[in-house]
C-alpha atoms as a PDB file:
ATOM      1  CA  UNK A   1      29.409 -19.786  77.272  1.00  0.00           C
ATOM      2  CA  UNK A   2      28.950 -22.734  75.442  1.00  0.00           C
ATOM      3  CA  UNK A   3      31.447 -24.256  72.869  1.00  0.00           C
ATOM      4  CA  UNK A   4      29.631 -24.162  69.205  1.00  0.00           C
ATOM      5  CA  UNK A   5      30.129 -27.553  67.435  1.00  0.00           C
ATOM      6  CA  UNK A   6      31.954 -27.033  64.397  1.00  0.00           C
ATOM      7  CA  UNK A   7      31.398 -29.239  61.167  1.00  0.00           C
ATOM      8  CA  UNK A   8      34.409 -29.912  58.712  1.00  0.00           C
ATOM      9  CA  UNK A   9      33.441 -30.836  55.650  1.00  0.00           C
ATOM     10  CA  UNK A  10      36.173 -33.601  53.944  1.00  0.00           C
ATOM     11  CA  UNK A  11      36.040 -34.783  50.455  1.00  0.00           C
ATOM     12  CA  UNK A  12      38.749 -37.435  51.019  1.00  0.00           C
ATOM     13  CA  UNK A  13      37.495 -40.378  51.538  1.00  0.00           C
ATOM     14  CA  UNK A  14      41.000 -42.102  51.874  1.00  0.00           C
ATOM     15  CA  UNK A  15      41.591 -40.218  54.554  1.00  0.00           C
ATOM     16  CA  UNK A  16      41.430 -42.040  58.400  1.00  0.00           C
ATOM     17  CA  UNK A  17      39.348 -38.813  59.635  1.00  0.00           C
ATOM     18  CA  UNK A  18      37.083 -39.282  57.147  1.00  0.00           C
ATOM     19  CA  UNK A  19      33.779 -39.848  57.923  1.00  0.00           C
ATOM     20  CA  UNK A  20      29.668 -40.490  56.136  1.00  0.00           C
ATOM     21  CA  UNK A  21      28.687 -37.856  54.791  1.00  0.00           C
ATOM     22  CA  UNK A  22      31.842 -35.869  53.747  1.00  0.00           C
ATOM     23  CA  UNK A  23      32.582 -35.279  57.545  1.00  0.00           C
ATOM     24  CA  UNK A  24      35.842 -34.668  59.052  1.00  0.00           C
ATOM     25  CA  UNK A  25      36.060 -36.715  62.347  1.00  0.00           C
ATOM     26  CA  UNK A  26      39.310 -34.890  63.592  1.00  0.00           C
ATOM     27  CA  UNK A  27      39.721 -33.586  66.955  1.00  0.00           C
ATOM     28  CA  UNK A  28      41.762 -30.872  65.471  1.00  0.00           C
ATOM     29  CA  UNK A  29      42.865 -29.885  62.413  1.00  0.00           C
ATOM     30  CA  UNK A  30      46.473 -28.431  60.431  1.00  0.00           C
ATOM     31  CA  UNK A  31      45.805 -27.199  57.340  1.00  0.00           C
ATOM     32  CA  UNK A  32      48.980 -24.729  55.616  1.00  0.00           C
ATOM     33  CA  UNK A  33      50.065 -23.508  53.078  1.00  0.00           C
ATOM     34  CA  UNK A  34      51.433 -26.138  50.150  1.00  0.00           C
ATOM     35  CA  UNK A  35      55.729 -26.692  50.590  1.00  0.00           C
ATOM     36  CA  UNK A  36      56.759 -27.311  46.925  1.00  0.00           C
ATOM     37  CA  UNK A  37      58.808 -30.635  47.037  1.00  0.00           C
ATOM     38  CA  UNK A  38      59.355 -32.624  44.288  1.00  0.00           C
ATOM     39  CA  UNK A  39      58.771 -35.580  46.083  1.00  0.00           C
ATOM     40  CA  UNK A  40      55.239 -34.843  47.221  1.00  0.00           C
ATOM     41  CA  UNK A  41      52.168 -34.746  44.322  1.00  0.00           C
ATOM     42  CA  UNK A  42      49.991 -31.950  46.338  1.00  0.00           C
ATOM     43  CA  UNK A  43      48.301 -29.414  43.578  1.00  0.00           C
ATOM     44  CA  UNK A  44      51.007 -28.000  41.161  1.00  0.00           C
ATOM     45  CA  UNK A  45      54.343 -26.593  41.235  1.00  0.00           C
ATOM     46  CA  UNK A  46      54.525 -22.651  40.616  1.00  0.00           C
ATOM     47  CA  UNK A  47      52.493 -22.472  44.011  1.00  0.00           C
ATOM     48  CA  UNK A  48      53.123 -22.487  47.451  1.00  0.00           C
ATOM     49  CA  UNK A  49      55.249 -19.880  47.585  1.00  0.00           C
ATOM     50  CA  UNK A  50      53.973 -16.601  50.203  1.00  0.00           C
ATOM     51  CA  UNK A  51      50.425 -16.637  51.301  1.00  0.00           C
ATOM     52  CA  UNK A  52      48.183 -19.177  49.470  1.00  0.00           C
ATOM     53  CA  UNK A  53      45.642 -17.307  47.108  1.00  0.00           C
ATOM     54  CA  UNK A  54      43.581 -20.495  46.133  1.00  0.00           C
ATOM     55  CA  UNK A  55      42.704 -23.520  47.662  1.00  0.00           C
ATOM     56  CA  UNK A  56      44.692 -26.062  45.814  1.00  0.00           C
ATOM     57  CA  UNK A  57      48.032 -23.787  46.939  1.00  0.00           C
ATOM     58  CA  UNK A  58      47.346 -25.517  50.651  1.00  0.00           C
ATOM     59  CA  UNK A  59      47.219 -28.856  51.874  1.00  0.00           C
ATOM     60  CA  UNK A  60      45.788 -30.317  54.809  1.00  0.00           C
ATOM     61  CA  UNK A  61      48.933 -31.555  57.327  1.00  0.00           C
ATOM     62  CA  UNK A  62      45.741 -33.727  59.370  1.00  0.00           C
ATOM     63  CA  UNK A  63      45.928 -36.144  56.645  1.00  0.00           C
ATOM     64  CA  UNK A  64      46.482 -39.415  57.708  1.00  0.00           C
ATOM     65  CA  UNK A  65      45.867 -42.570  54.644  1.00  0.00           C
ATOM     66  CA  UNK A  66      42.934 -45.724  56.356  1.00  0.00           C
ATOM     67  CA  UNK A  67      45.378 -48.059  55.785  1.00  0.00           C
ATOM     68  CA  UNK A  68      47.756 -46.668  58.512  1.00  0.00           C
END
């Protein structure tokens, strides 16, 4: 069976893997529950314990700044 091409939409244009039409060009994508860490600006405090229930309780570990 041929492998189906998967397209992932991403609106974070500051990421190295962002391409036109809001597509992610990374070979693989890793998304995790948001970890509460006071040094990070991701999401809001109070979420990130246990399973994610909203999109803002997750984050993309694949993100790499364009200028890195």
